[in-house]
Amino acid sequence: MGDVINLKRFKKRMERDEAAKTADANRARFGRTKAERATDAQRKMRAEELLDQHLIKGEDA
């Protein structure tokens, strides 16, 4: 004879497994590492600084 299975535990385990699969898929689609985000922020800041250097300040502008 087989083992007795608690259906509530089984259902919860299956829901957790499905949630983990969804989370993995989302991480692959949307996830970026902290280093990648920091690099992008530095590049954006540098581009803004370069652009600001070319501004002409004064009344004649």
PDB file of N, CA and C in Angstrom:
ATOM      1  N   MET A   1       0.836  -1.177   0.000  1.00  0.00           N
ATOM      2  CA  MET A   1       0.000   0.000   0.000  1.00  0.00           C
ATOM      3  C   MET A   1       0.885   1.246   0.000  1.00  0.00           C
ATOM      4  N   GLY A   2       0.419   2.308  -0.652  1.00  0.00           N
ATOM      5  CA  GLY A   2       1.200   3.530  -0.796  1.00  0.00           C
ATOM      6  C   GLY A   2       1.171   4.387   0.464  1.00  0.00           C
ATOM      7  N   ASP A   3       2.008   5.402   0.445  1.00  0.00           N
ATOM      8  CA  ASP A   3       2.071   6.336   1.572  1.00  0.00           C
ATOM      9  C   ASP A   3       0.896   7.309   1.512  1.00  0.00           C
ATOM     10  N   VAL A   4       0.508   7.783   2.683  1.00  0.00           N
ATOM     11  CA  VAL A   4      -0.551   8.772   2.776  1.00  0.00           C
ATOM     12  C   VAL A   4       0.044  10.146   2.444  1.00  0.00           C
ATOM     13  N   ILE A   5      -0.659  10.889   1.595  1.00  0.00           N
ATOM     14  CA  ILE A   5      -0.172  12.190   1.160  1.00  0.00           C
ATOM     15  C   ILE A   5      -1.132  13.271   1.654  1.00  0.00           C
ATOM     16  N   ASN A   6      -0.575  14.301   2.265  1.00  0.00           N
ATOM     17  CA  ASN A   6      -1.377  15.435   2.682  1.00  0.00           C
ATOM     18  C   ASN A   6      -1.577  16.320   1.456  1.00  0.00           C
ATOM     19  N   LEU A   7      -2.824  16.429   0.994  1.00  0.00           N
ATOM     20  CA  LEU A   7      -3.099  17.138  -0.246  1.00  0.00           C
ATOM     21  C   LEU A   7      -2.844  18.636  -0.127  1.00  0.00           C
ATOM     22  N   LYS A   8      -3.057  19.215   1.043  1.00  0.00           N
ATOM     23  CA  LYS A   8      -2.787  20.647   1.216  1.00  0.00           C
ATOM     24  C   LYS A   8      -1.299  20.929   1.041  1.00  0.00           C
ATOM     25  N   ARG A   9      -0.459  20.089   1.641  1.00  0.00           N
ATOM     26  CA  ARG A   9       0.987  20.272   1.488  1.00  0.00           C
ATOM     27  C   ARG A   9       1.410  20.086   0.046  1.00  0.00           C
ATOM     28  N   PHE A  10       0.830  19.086  -0.603  1.00  0.00           N
ATOM     29  CA  PHE A  10       1.163  18.822  -1.998  1.00  0.00           C
ATOM     30  C   PHE A  10       0.782  20.018  -2.868  1.00  0.00           C
ATOM     31  N   LYS A  11      -0.411  20.574  -2.642  1.00  0.00           N
ATOM     32  CA  LYS A  11      -0.873  21.718  -3.416  1.00  0.00           C
ATOM     33  C   LYS A  11       0.021  22.931  -3.183  1.00  0.00           C
ATOM     34  N   LYS A  12       0.392  23.181  -1.933  1.00  0.00           N
ATOM     35  CA  LYS A  12       1.259  24.312  -1.615  1.00  0.00           C
ATOM     36  C   LYS A  12       2.630  24.136  -2.256  1.00  0.00           C
ATOM     37  N   ARG A  13       3.167  22.923  -2.231  1.00  0.00           N
ATOM     38  CA  ARG A  13       4.462  22.660  -2.841  1.00  0.00           C
ATOM     39  C   ARG A  13       4.406  22.901  -4.339  1.00  0.00           C
ATOM     40  N   MET A  14       3.339  22.467  -4.980  1.00  0.00           N
ATOM     41  CA  MET A  14       3.190  22.671  -6.418  1.00  0.00           C
ATOM     42  C   MET A  14       3.087  24.165  -6.743  1.00  0.00           C
ATOM     43  N   GLU A  15       2.347  24.932  -5.928  1.00  0.00           N
ATOM     44  CA  GLU A  15       2.230  26.370  -6.152  1.00  0.00           C
ATOM     45  C   GLU A  15       3.583  27.058  -5.982  1.00  0.00           C
ATOM     46  N   ARG A  16       4.364  26.656  -4.986  1.00  0.00           N
ATOM     47  CA  ARG A  16       5.699  27.220  -4.792  1.00  0.00           C
ATOM     48  C   ARG A  16       6.599  26.910  -5.979  1.00  0.00           C
ATOM     49  N   ASP A  17       6.524  25.696  -6.478  1.00  0.00           N
ATOM     50  CA  ASP A  17       7.346  25.321  -7.634  1.00  0.00           C
ATOM     51  C   ASP A  17       6.967  26.141  -8.872  1.00  0.00           C
ATOM     52  N   GLU A  18       5.675  26.341  -9.084  1.00  0.00           N
ATOM     53  CA  GLU A  18       5.229  27.156 -10.215  1.00  0.00           C
ATOM     54  C   GLU A  18       5.684  28.599 -10.052  1.00  0.00           C
ATOM     55  N   ALA A  19       5.586  29.129  -8.838  1.00  0.00           N
ATOM     56  CA  ALA A  19       6.024  30.503  -8.585  1.00  0.00           C
ATOM     57  C   ALA A  19       7.526  30.633  -8.817  1.00  0.00           C
ATOM     58  N   ALA A  20       8.284  29.621  -8.442  1.00  0.00           N
ATOM     59  CA  ALA A  20       9.733  29.651  -8.649  1.00  0.00           C
ATOM     60  C   ALA A  20      10.062  29.635 -10.139  1.00  0.00           C
ATOM     61  N   LYS A  21       9.339  28.855 -10.912  1.00  0.00           N
ATOM     62  CA  LYS A  21       9.563  28.815 -12.356  1.00  0.00           C
ATOM     63  C   LYS A  21       9.254  30.171 -12.988  1.00  0.00           C
ATOM     64  N   THR A  22       8.154  30.781 -12.559  1.00  0.00           N
ATOM     65  CA  THR A  22       7.792  32.104 -13.073  1.00  0.00           C
ATOM     66  C   THR A  22       8.844  33.134 -12.701  1.00  0.00           C
ATOM     67  N   ALA A  23       9.323  33.076 -11.461  1.00  0.00           N
ATOM     68  CA  ALA A  23      10.350  34.016 -11.001  1.00  0.00           C
ATOM     69  C   ALA A  23      11.633  33.850 -11.810  1.00  0.00           C
ATOM     70  N   ASP A  24      12.021  32.623 -12.090  1.00  0.00           N
ATOM     71  CA  ASP A  24      13.226  32.383 -12.896  1.00  0.00           C
ATOM     72  C   ASP A  24      13.068  32.967 -14.305  1.00  0.00           C
ATOM     73  N   ALA A  25      11.900  32.788 -14.879  1.00  0.00           N
ATOM     74  CA  ALA A  25      11.655  33.323 -16.220  1.00  0.00           C
ATOM     75  C   ALA A  25      11.709  34.849 -16.198  1.00  0.00           C
ATOM     76  N   ASN A  26      11.133  35.464 -15.160  1.00  0.00           N
ATOM     77  CA  ASN A  26      11.156  36.927 -15.055  1.00  0.00           C
ATOM     78  C   ASN A  26      12.562  37.439 -14.832  1.00  0.00           C
ATOM     79  N   ARG A  27      13.352  36.738 -14.038  1.00  0.00           N
ATOM     80  CA  ARG A  27      14.736  37.150 -13.818  1.00  0.00           C
ATOM     81  C   ARG A  27      15.518  37.114 -15.123  1.00  0.00           C
ATOM     82  N   ALA A  28      15.257  36.110 -15.917  1.00  0.00           N
ATOM     83  CA  ALA A  28      15.964  36.005 -17.197  1.00  0.00           C
ATOM     84  C   ALA A  28      15.540  37.123 -18.147  1.00  0.00           C
ATOM     85  N   ARG A  29      14.264  37.508 -18.106  1.00  0.00           N
ATOM     86  CA  ARG A  29      13.770  38.541 -19.019  1.00  0.00           C
ATOM     87  C   ARG A  29      14.132  39.947 -18.569  1.00  0.00           C
ATOM     88  N   PHE A  30      13.983  40.232 -17.281  1.00  0.00           N
ATOM     89  CA  PHE A  30      14.087  41.599 -16.807  1.00  0.00           C
ATOM     90  C   PHE A  30      15.285  41.862 -15.912  1.00  0.00           C
ATOM     91  N   GLY A  31      15.889  40.851 -15.383  1.00  0.00           N
ATOM     92  CA  GLY A  31      16.920  41.032 -14.366  1.00  0.00           C
ATOM     93  C   GLY A  31      18.232  41.550 -14.913  1.00  0.00           C
ATOM     94  N   ARG A  32      18.822  42.447 -14.163  1.00  0.00           N
ATOM     95  CA  ARG A  32      20.163  42.937 -14.473  1.00  0.00           C
ATOM     96  C   ARG A  32      20.926  42.960 -13.162  1.00  0.00           C
ATOM     97  N   THR A  33      22.208  42.751 -13.258  1.00  0.00           N
ATOM     98  CA  THR A  33      23.016  42.741 -12.052  1.00  0.00           C
ATOM     99  C   THR A  33      23.230  44.165 -11.555  1.00  0.00           C
ATOM    100  N   LYS A  34      23.638  44.278 -10.323  1.00  0.00           N
ATOM    101  CA  LYS A  34      23.905  45.586  -9.724  1.00  0.00           C
ATOM    102  C   LYS A  34      25.035  46.286 -10.477  1.00  0.00           C
ATOM    103  N   ALA A  35      26.027  45.531 -10.902  1.00  0.00           N
ATOM    104  CA  ALA A  35      27.154  46.100 -11.645  1.00  0.00           C
ATOM    105  C   ALA A  35      26.686  46.680 -12.983  1.00  0.00           C
ATOM    106  N   GLU A  36      25.777  46.000 -13.664  1.00  0.00           N
ATOM    107  CA  GLU A  36      25.261  46.504 -14.935  1.00  0.00           C
ATOM    108  C   GLU A  36      24.492  47.807 -14.730  1.00  0.00           C
ATOM    109  N   ARG A  37      23.666  47.852 -13.678  1.00  0.00           N
ATOM    110  CA  ARG A  37      22.919  49.082 -13.402  1.00  0.00           C
ATOM    111  C   ARG A  37      23.863  50.227 -13.050  1.00  0.00           C
ATOM    112  N   ALA A  38      24.903  49.945 -12.277  1.00  0.00           N
ATOM    113  CA  ALA A  38      25.871  50.981 -11.895  1.00  0.00           C
ATOM    114  C   ALA A  38      26.629  51.499 -13.112  1.00  0.00           C
ATOM    115  N   THR A  39      27.016  50.594 -14.001  1.00  0.00           N
ATOM    116  CA  THR A  39      27.724  50.993 -15.217  1.00  0.00           C
ATOM    117  C   THR A  39      26.848  51.890 -16.078  1.00  0.00           C
ATOM    118  N   ASP A  40      25.590  51.525 -16.231  1.00  0.00           N
ATOM    119  CA  ASP A  40      24.675  52.353 -17.013  1.00  0.00           C
ATOM    120  C   ASP A  40      24.484  53.727 -16.377  1.00  0.00           C
ATOM    121  N   ALA A  41      24.405  53.780 -15.066  1.00  0.00           N
ATOM    122  CA  ALA A  41      24.243  55.059 -14.376  1.00  0.00           C
ATOM    123  C   ALA A  41      25.473  55.940 -14.584  1.00  0.00           C
ATOM    124  N   GLN A  42      26.660  55.341 -14.524  1.00  0.00           N
ATOM    125  CA  GLN A  42      27.891  56.105 -14.751  1.00  0.00           C
ATOM    126  C   GLN A  42      27.951  56.634 -16.177  1.00  0.00           C
ATOM    127  N   ARG A  43      27.593  55.818 -17.143  1.00  0.00           N
ATOM    128  CA  ARG A  43      27.602  56.245 -18.541  1.00  0.00           C
ATOM    129  C   ARG A  43      26.618  57.393 -18.765  1.00  0.00           C
ATOM    130  N   LYS A  44      25.449  57.290 -18.152  1.00  0.00           N
ATOM    131  CA  LYS A  44      24.448  58.339 -18.299  1.00  0.00           C
ATOM    132  C   LYS A  44      24.938  59.645 -17.673  1.00  0.00           C
ATOM    133  N   MET A  45      25.531  59.559 -16.487  1.00  0.00           N
ATOM    134  CA  MET A  45      26.037  60.747 -15.823  1.00  0.00           C
ATOM    135  C   MET A  45      27.161  61.383 -16.633  1.00  0.00           C
ATOM    136  N   ARG A  46      28.041  60.574 -17.188  1.00  0.00           N
ATOM    137  CA  ARG A  46      29.154  61.091 -17.994  1.00  0.00           C
ATOM    138  C   ARG A  46      28.623  61.787 -19.249  1.00  0.00           C
ATOM    139  N   ALA A  47      27.623  61.213 -19.893  1.00  0.00           N
ATOM    140  CA  ALA A  47      27.046  61.821 -21.084  1.00  0.00           C
ATOM    141  C   ALA A  47      26.398  63.159 -20.744  1.00  0.00           C
ATOM    142  N   GLU A  48      25.717  63.234 -19.614  1.00  0.00           N
ATOM    143  CA  GLU A  48      25.107  64.493 -19.196  1.00  0.00           C
ATOM    144  C   GLU A  48      26.168  65.546 -18.892  1.00  0.00           C
ATOM    145  N   GLU A  49      27.263  65.133 -18.273  1.00  0.00           N
ATOM    146  CA  GLU A  49      28.351  66.071 -17.979  1.00  0.00           C
ATOM    147  C   GLU A  49      28.966  66.614 -19.269  1.00  0.00           C
ATOM    148  N   LEU A  50      29.178  65.741 -20.239  1.00  0.00           N
ATOM    149  CA  LEU A  50      29.743  66.184 -21.517  1.00  0.00           C
ATOM    150  C   LEU A  50      28.799  67.153 -22.227  1.00  0.00           C
ATOM    151  N   LEU A  51      27.523  66.884 -22.152  1.00  0.00           N
ATOM    152  CA  LEU A  51      26.553  67.761 -22.778  1.00  0.00           C
ATOM    153  C   LEU A  51      26.513  69.115 -22.066  1.00  0.00           C
ATOM    154  N   ASP A  52      26.579  69.101 -20.746  1.00  0.00           N
ATOM    155  CA  ASP A  52      26.551  70.352 -19.982  1.00  0.00           C
ATOM    156  C   ASP A  52      27.785  71.205 -20.249  1.00  0.00           C
ATOM    157  N   GLN A  53      28.891  70.604 -20.608  1.00  0.00           N
ATOM    158  CA  GLN A  53      30.115  71.348 -20.874  1.00  0.00           C
ATOM    159  C   GLN A  53      29.969  72.188 -22.140  1.00  0.00           C
ATOM    160  N   HIS A  54      29.064  71.803 -23.013  1.00  0.00           N
ATOM    161  CA  HIS A  54      28.910  72.520 -24.270  1.00  0.00           C
ATOM    162  C   HIS A  54      27.830  73.600 -24.203  1.00  0.00           C
ATOM    163  N   LEU A  55      27.238  73.815 -23.047  1.00  0.00           N
ATOM    164  CA  LEU A  55      26.233  74.860 -22.919  1.00  0.00           C
ATOM    165  C   LEU A  55      26.913  76.243 -22.944  1.00  0.00           C
ATOM    166  N   ILE A  56      26.250  77.151 -23.583  1.00  0.00           N
ATOM    167  CA  ILE A  56      26.743  78.530 -23.623  1.00  0.00           C
ATOM    168  C   ILE A  56      25.965  79.319 -22.580  1.00  0.00           C
ATOM    169  N   LYS A  57      26.677  79.882 -21.635  1.00  0.00           N
ATOM    170  CA  LYS A  57      26.018  80.637 -20.573  1.00  0.00           C
ATOM    171  C   LYS A  57      26.230  82.126 -20.835  1.00  0.00           C
ATOM    172  N   GLY A  58      25.224  82.905 -20.591  1.00  0.00           N
ATOM    173  CA  GLY A  58      25.329  84.346 -20.781  1.00  0.00           C
ATOM    174  C   GLY A  58      24.137  84.883 -21.522  1.00  0.00           C
ATOM    175  N   GLU A  59      24.084  86.202 -21.697  1.00  0.00           N
ATOM    176  CA  GLU A  59      22.953  86.859 -22.343  1.00  0.00           C
ATOM    177  C   GLU A  59      23.001  86.709 -23.858  1.00  0.00           C
ATOM    178  N   ASP A  60      24.155  86.590 -24.432  1.00  0.00           N
ATOM    179  CA  ASP A  60      24.286  86.511 -25.884  1.00  0.00           C
ATOM    180  C   ASP A  60      23.822  85.169 -26.441  1.00  0.00           C
ATOM    181  N   ALA A  61      23.686  84.179 -25.600  1.00  0.00           N
ATOM    182  CA  ALA A  61      23.307  82.850 -26.051  1.00  0.00           C
ATOM    183  C   ALA A  61      21.903  82.884 -26.480  1.00  0.00           C
TER     184      ALA A  61
END
